[in-house]
């Protein structure tokens, strides 16, 4: 398991954060969508000065990337903090990541945990996933697998694939929970169906070994193949090693199922 770093710096994150509708904010959002970052900054700066959290987060992202304004991680974090202190959960998540990685501020795992917690309690599945990770690692807070599981479950129930995969790992390895390959398979399946390549690879391995699931080389090949198409090198090696053990019919069926799966995505 590793820290989950979502693509927060996006148009959707800014627009989704808008709690106060305004023509100026909308104009900035349109400029950002069109790739005119300088115009977005011009529209958002006066709104940010007046306390609009969405505009503050938007400016933070522009300063972080140096788009439309000079790149300045310090200013990015300053604006991000203003939005976070108003309860904007995307800003809280971004601020936590900044403290975790030492971007624009001194690295501080304890502060990272505090901001992850605020965003997690506000319902952010990405923050819930990362807070779970911090509990697993005992980073910035005492190690606690039970609390890690609880936060992962909250995120997974919101459809967060990384959290579901992390739960699968916990149950497969028996870390903080009784070892349970049936539960591991269930969580891997949840993440695999959302396209998470690591979970697809792990699920394929359970089918090969017949652990938590009936042994099924056809389904194993299917999940390996789907992970390979997402660039997973571990799945590529596993698929190629498995292929000689499949009959021609099994191989045909697995490849057909993979094509059908991709067609549905």
Protein backbone atom coordinates (compact mmCIF):
# COMPACT_ATOMS: atom_id res chain seq x y z
CA UNK A 1 0.00 0.00 0.00
CA UNK A 2 1.14 3.54 -0.69
CA UNK A 3 -0.12 7.06 -0.29
CA UNK A 4 -2.93 7.86 -2.69
CA UNK A 5 -2.25 11.04 -4.66
CA UNK A 6 -5.42 12.00 -6.54
CA UNK A 7 -5.58 14.41 -9.45
CA UNK A 8 -6.89 17.28 -7.37
CA UNK A 9 -5.53 20.01 -9.59
CA UNK A 10 -8.37 19.96 -12.09
CA UNK A 11 -11.13 22.14 -13.40
CA UNK A 12 -13.67 19.80 -11.80
CA UNK A 13 -12.14 20.27 -8.36
CA UNK A 14 -12.37 24.04 -8.58
CA UNK A 15 -15.88 24.15 -10.00
CA UNK A 16 -17.06 21.52 -7.56
CA UNK A 17 -15.77 23.64 -4.71
CA UNK A 18 -17.85 26.65 -5.63
CA UNK A 19 -20.31 27.29 -2.85
CA UNK A 20 -20.96 30.90 -3.82
CA UNK A 21 -22.14 31.32 -7.40
CA UNK A 22 -20.91 34.44 -9.17
CA UNK A 23 -20.48 35.62 -12.71
CA UNK A 24 -16.80 36.37 -12.06
CA UNK A 25 -16.11 32.88 -10.75
CA UNK A 26 -17.90 31.31 -13.71
CA UNK A 27 -15.89 33.50 -16.08
CA UNK A 28 -12.69 32.29 -14.45
CA UNK A 29 -13.83 28.67 -14.70
CA UNK A 30 -14.59 29.11 -18.41
CA UNK A 31 -11.17 30.69 -18.95
CA UNK A 32 -9.51 27.78 -17.16
CA UNK A 33 -11.38 25.25 -19.32
CA UNK A 34 -10.24 27.13 -22.41
CA UNK A 35 -6.64 27.02 -21.23
CA UNK A 36 -6.43 30.76 -20.55
CA UNK A 37 -4.88 30.55 -17.10
CA UNK A 38 -3.95 34.23 -16.89
CA UNK A 39 -7.58 35.24 -17.46
CA UNK A 40 -8.71 32.75 -14.80
CA UNK A 41 -6.26 34.25 -12.31
CA UNK A 42 -7.47 37.77 -13.15
CA UNK A 43 -11.10 36.80 -12.50
CA UNK A 44 -10.41 34.85 -9.31
CA UNK A 45 -7.92 37.17 -7.57
CA UNK A 46 -10.49 39.78 -6.40
CA UNK A 47 -12.93 37.03 -5.38
CA UNK A 48 -10.18 35.29 -3.39
CA UNK A 49 -9.37 38.58 -1.64
CA UNK A 50 -13.04 38.80 -0.63
CA UNK A 51 -12.96 35.32 0.87
CA UNK A 52 -14.42 33.09 -1.88
CA UNK A 53 -12.99 29.67 -0.99
CA UNK A 54 -13.36 28.21 -4.48
CA UNK A 55 -11.46 31.16 -5.99
CA UNK A 56 -8.79 30.80 -3.30
CA UNK A 57 -8.36 27.12 -4.18
CA UNK A 58 -8.27 28.00 -7.88
CA UNK A 59 -5.50 30.54 -7.33
CA UNK A 60 -3.61 28.03 -5.17
CA UNK A 61 -3.63 25.54 -8.02
CA UNK A 62 -2.48 28.13 -10.56
CA UNK A 63 0.42 29.21 -8.32
CA UNK A 64 1.31 25.57 -7.67
CA UNK A 65 1.62 24.84 -11.40
CA UNK A 66 2.88 28.28 -12.46
CA UNK A 67 0.07 28.68 -14.96
CA UNK A 68 -1.14 32.21 -15.59
CA UNK A 69 0.94 33.41 -12.62
CA UNK A 70 4.58 32.93 -11.61
CA UNK A 71 5.11 29.53 -10.00
CA UNK A 72 5.16 30.04 -6.24
CA UNK A 73 4.53 27.12 -3.90
CA UNK A 74 4.50 29.43 -0.89
CA UNK A 75 1.67 31.55 -2.30
CA UNK A 76 -0.12 28.40 -3.40
CA UNK A 77 -0.14 27.06 0.14
CA UNK A 78 -1.13 30.46 1.55
CA UNK A 79 -4.26 30.55 -0.64
CA UNK A 80 -4.90 26.87 -0.09
CA UNK A 81 -4.83 27.38 3.69
CA UNK A 82 -7.34 30.24 3.45
CA UNK A 83 -9.76 27.99 1.56
CA UNK A 84 -9.09 25.04 3.86
CA UNK A 85 -9.83 27.09 6.95
CA UNK A 86 -13.24 27.87 5.47
CA UNK A 87 -13.99 24.16 5.28
CA UNK A 88 -13.27 23.52 1.60
CA UNK A 89 -12.44 19.83 1.63
CA UNK A 90 -10.48 19.86 -1.65
CA UNK A 91 -8.28 22.60 -0.23
CA UNK A 92 -7.92 20.63 3.01
CA UNK A 93 -6.82 17.59 1.03
CA UNK A 94 -4.32 19.60 -1.02
CA UNK A 95 -2.94 21.27 2.11
CA UNK A 96 -2.49 17.88 3.77
CA UNK A 97 -0.56 16.65 0.74
CA UNK A 98 1.62 19.76 0.83
CA UNK A 99 2.54 19.14 4.47
CA UNK A 100 3.08 15.45 3.78
CA UNK A 101 5.46 16.18 0.91
CA UNK A 102 7.00 19.44 2.11
CA UNK A 103 5.71 21.50 -0.82
CA UNK A 104 5.46 25.22 -0.06
CA UNK A 105 5.81 24.50 3.66
CA UNK A 106 8.08 22.46 5.90
CA UNK A 107 7.16 18.77 5.84
CA UNK A 108 5.05 17.95 8.88
CA UNK A 109 3.31 14.58 9.07
CA UNK A 110 1.30 15.62 12.11
CA UNK A 111 -0.18 18.62 10.29
CA UNK A 112 -0.78 16.44 7.25
CA UNK A 113 -2.81 14.03 9.38
CA UNK A 114 -4.79 16.88 10.91
CA UNK A 115 -5.82 18.24 7.50
CA UNK A 116 -6.47 14.77 6.06
CA UNK A 117 -8.78 14.20 9.01
CA UNK A 118 -10.72 17.40 8.39
CA UNK A 119 -11.22 16.52 4.74
CA UNK A 120 -11.99 12.89 5.60
CA UNK A 121 -14.62 13.88 8.14
CA UNK A 122 -16.11 16.17 5.50
CA UNK A 123 -16.55 13.09 3.31
CA UNK A 124 -13.59 13.20 0.92
CA UNK A 125 -12.86 9.59 -0.14
CA UNK A 126 -9.33 10.52 -1.21
CA UNK A 127 -8.62 12.00 2.23
CA UNK A 128 -10.18 8.99 3.94
CA UNK A 129 -7.88 6.73 1.92
CA UNK A 130 -4.78 8.74 2.77
CA UNK A 131 -5.72 8.98 6.43
CA UNK A 132 -6.04 5.20 6.44
CA UNK A 133 -2.56 4.98 4.94
CA UNK A 134 -1.12 7.25 7.63
CA UNK A 135 -2.60 4.98 10.29
CA UNK A 136 -1.11 1.92 8.58
CA UNK A 137 2.34 3.50 8.49
CA UNK A 138 2.10 5.21 11.87
CA UNK A 139 3.13 8.41 10.14
CA UNK A 140 2.22 11.57 12.03
CA UNK A 141 0.02 9.49 14.30
CA UNK A 142 0.23 6.21 16.22
CA UNK A 143 -0.03 3.09 14.07
CA UNK A 144 -3.54 1.69 14.29
CA UNK A 145 -4.71 -0.92 11.78
CA UNK A 146 -8.24 -0.87 13.14
CA UNK A 147 -8.64 2.83 12.42
CA UNK A 148 -6.93 2.36 9.06
CA UNK A 149 -9.51 -0.30 8.17
CA UNK A 150 -12.36 1.95 9.26
CA UNK A 151 -11.22 4.85 7.08
CA UNK A 152 -10.50 2.57 4.13
CA UNK A 153 -13.99 1.11 4.44
CA UNK A 154 -15.58 4.55 4.48
CA UNK A 155 -13.71 5.48 1.31
CA UNK A 156 -14.36 2.14 -0.39
CA UNK A 157 -18.09 2.45 0.25
CA UNK A 158 -17.94 5.71 -1.69
CA UNK A 159 -16.38 3.85 -4.61
CA UNK A 160 -12.72 4.66 -3.97
CA UNK A 161 -10.78 1.87 -5.71
CA UNK A 162 -7.45 2.46 -3.94
CA UNK A 163 -9.15 2.08 -0.56
CA UNK A 164 -10.84 -1.14 -1.65
CA UNK A 165 -7.52 -2.52 -2.87
CA UNK A 166 -5.85 -1.52 0.40
CA UNK A 167 -8.53 -3.44 2.33
CA UNK A 168 -7.86 -6.43 0.12
CA UNK A 169 -4.19 -6.25 1.03
CA UNK A 170 -4.98 -6.05 4.74
CA UNK A 171 -7.22 -9.12 4.63
CA UNK A 172 -4.86 -11.11 2.40
CA UNK A 173 -1.91 -10.46 4.69
CA UNK A 174 -3.84 -10.55 7.96
CA UNK A 175 -2.58 -7.14 9.01
CA UNK A 176 -4.79 -5.73 11.75
CA UNK A 177 -7.58 -8.10 10.75
CA UNK A 178 -7.86 -11.90 10.69
CA UNK A 179 -6.40 -13.31 7.48
CA UNK A 180 -9.36 -13.85 5.16
CA UNK A 181 -8.76 -14.47 1.47
CA UNK A 182 -12.50 -14.52 0.75
CA UNK A 183 -12.78 -10.96 2.08
CA UNK A 184 -9.57 -10.04 0.25
CA UNK A 185 -11.03 -11.33 -3.01
CA UNK A 186 -14.21 -9.35 -2.47
CA UNK A 187 -12.35 -6.08 -1.96
CA UNK A 188 -9.94 -6.77 -4.83
CA UNK A 189 -12.95 -7.45 -7.06
CA UNK A 190 -14.51 -4.15 -6.08
CA UNK A 191 -11.37 -2.23 -7.01
CA UNK A 192 -10.65 -4.33 -10.11
CA UNK A 193 -14.08 -3.62 -11.54
CA UNK A 194 -13.30 0.10 -11.26
CA UNK A 195 -10.21 -0.39 -13.40
CA UNK A 196 -7.50 -0.36 -10.72
CA UNK A 197 -4.67 -2.37 -12.25
CA UNK A 198 -3.02 -3.46 -8.99
CA UNK A 199 -6.31 -4.93 -7.82
CA UNK A 200 -6.85 -6.63 -11.17
CA UNK A 201 -3.41 -8.23 -10.87
CA UNK A 202 -4.03 -9.32 -7.27
CA UNK A 203 -7.41 -10.79 -8.20
CA UNK A 204 -5.82 -12.70 -11.06
CA UNK A 205 -3.30 -14.20 -8.65
CA UNK A 206 -6.06 -15.41 -6.31
CA UNK A 207 -7.74 -17.15 -9.24
CA UNK A 208 -4.44 -18.82 -10.15
CA UNK A 209 -3.89 -20.07 -6.60
CA UNK A 210 -7.51 -20.85 -5.82
CA UNK A 211 -7.33 -18.74 -2.66
CA UNK A 212 -10.59 -17.13 -1.60
CA UNK A 213 -11.99 -18.06 -5.00
CA UNK A 214 -12.26 -21.28 -7.04
CA UNK A 215 -9.14 -21.86 -9.14
CA UNK A 216 -9.90 -20.51 -12.61
CA UNK A 217 -7.10 -19.89 -15.12
CA UNK A 218 -9.48 -18.30 -17.63
CA UNK A 219 -10.60 -15.60 -15.19
CA UNK A 220 -7.03 -15.18 -13.95
CA UNK A 221 -5.89 -14.50 -17.51
CA UNK A 222 -8.79 -12.09 -18.00
CA UNK A 223 -7.82 -9.93 -15.02
CA UNK A 224 -4.13 -10.06 -15.86
CA UNK A 225 -4.92 -8.99 -19.42
CA UNK A 226 -7.02 -6.04 -18.25
CA UNK A 227 -4.20 -4.93 -15.94
CA UNK A 228 -1.66 -5.30 -18.76
CA UNK A 229 -3.74 -2.97 -20.89
CA UNK A 230 -3.35 -0.40 -18.12
CA UNK A 231 0.41 -0.76 -18.22
CA UNK A 232 0.98 -3.03 -15.20
CA UNK A 233 4.34 -4.80 -15.63
CA UNK A 234 3.67 -7.35 -12.85
CA UNK A 235 0.49 -8.42 -14.62
CA UNK A 236 2.35 -8.74 -17.93
CA UNK A 237 4.86 -11.17 -16.45
CA UNK A 238 2.12 -13.15 -14.66
CA UNK A 239 -0.04 -13.34 -17.78
CA UNK A 240 2.82 -14.57 -19.96
CA UNK A 241 3.78 -17.20 -17.39
CA UNK A 242 0.18 -18.39 -17.13
CA UNK A 243 -0.55 -18.55 -20.87
CA UNK A 244 1.16 -21.92 -21.59
CA UNK A 245 -1.08 -23.56 -18.96
CA UNK A 246 -4.32 -22.57 -20.72
CA UNK A 247 -6.03 -24.66 -23.36
CA UNK A 248 -6.75 -23.03 -26.70
CA UNK A 249 -10.42 -22.71 -25.70
CA UNK A 250 -9.59 -21.14 -22.34
CA UNK A 251 -7.29 -18.64 -24.02
CA UNK A 252 -9.94 -17.79 -26.60
CA UNK A 253 -12.56 -17.29 -23.90
CA UNK A 254 -10.29 -15.14 -21.74
CA UNK A 255 -9.36 -12.85 -24.62
CA UNK A 256 -13.00 -12.59 -25.71
CA UNK A 257 -14.06 -11.63 -22.18
CA UNK A 258 -11.28 -9.04 -22.05
CA UNK A 259 -12.47 -7.48 -25.31
CA UNK A 260 -16.05 -7.42 -24.07
CA UNK A 261 -14.96 -5.84 -20.78
CA UNK A 262 -13.01 -3.11 -22.52
CA UNK A 263 -15.94 -2.42 -24.82
CA UNK A 264 -18.11 -1.67 -21.77
CA UNK A 265 -15.65 0.84 -20.27
